[in-house]
Amino acid sequence: MQSVVEMTVFAHVVEAGSFSGAARRLRTSKSSVSAQVQRLERQLGVRLLDRSTRRVSATEAGAAFYRHCARIVAEAEAAANLASSFHAVPRGTLRVTAPDTLGWMHVASAVPDFLARYPDVSLDLSLSDAHVDLIREHFDLAIRIGRVAQSSLIVRRLGTSRLVICAAPAYLVRRGVPRVVRDLSEHDCLVFSSLGWGDTWRLGTGSRRLQVAVTPRLRSDSGEVLRQVALAGAGLALLPQWMVADDLRGGALVRVLPRLVMPAADIHAVYPPGRLRAPKVTAFVEHLAAWLGRSLAGAAND
């Protein structure tokens, strides 16, 4: 029977794409990594890797074996973390990925208190709107907005992100204030392409769900770009309320159709099963849940 150690080494080689990369991650020698993979191939009687001078990649059999190895390694980590969590304090490096704008506007603001509370934890925070593979990229935790596809990942709801329509006062003076939903079609609109709605805004919820065709003067997958253009008076923007809360509070932006109930998406913490009981992960998720609960509630009241 193959050992978990050999499976772990093989999984790291596949993820790193090289024996030397796996050796660096495992803090061992390249020759040791190569020898363990060769021993694994002899035991299984099948070639797991295609080797070249620059890179190694999994064969068809190796790719199938890797998927099982990744699950077994994650379960082994979970078992070890569960045993150690009964007496361990949060420590070590915590790797977190979060959406760019939510990350610097809200997640980053929670970091100083967390680091002060847990002096044995260091944080590696990556801000990107891309959905990275947590296991392959060795992240402990991801913060994601919207529906999380069914998978082996653990999901914890942290809060709610609700959309608002807003514009600069100068734009509304120049073009008029929309009074009903159909008025939106007569305005210059700044479209958040990441929503995947094309040139249609989907407003309301439940039985009062509405759709309106809009005229995009700008499309962008960056909410911050749309916010800046809206602040300059170029059009109506449909953005998360937490992104523009300070602008609404200070009057730089004005909410349009404020009585209209707007769509919302949940904000989640997502992490691999092997990280479930790691004290550093548990501590950060609990801290962030409390922090976002306060900051998002404040934004919702603006």
Foldseek 3Di string as FASTA:
>chain_A
DDDLVLLQLLLLQQLQQHLCRSCVVVVHDSVVSVVSQVVVCVVVVHDQWDDDPPGIHGDPVNVVSNVVSLVVNLVVLQVVLVVVLVPDAAADEAEEEEAALCCVLFVVVLPVVLCVVRVRYHYHYHHHPDDDDCSSVVHFKYKDKFDDDDDQKDKDFQFKWWKFKKAFPVLCVVPNADDDPQVQQVWAEEAQCVVVPPQKDWFADDPPIDIYGHHYPHYDPDPVVVVVCRLVNRTMYIGTLLSCLVVCVVRSMDTGPVVTGGDMITIIMIGHSSSPNNNNVVSSSVSSSVRCVVSVVSSVVD
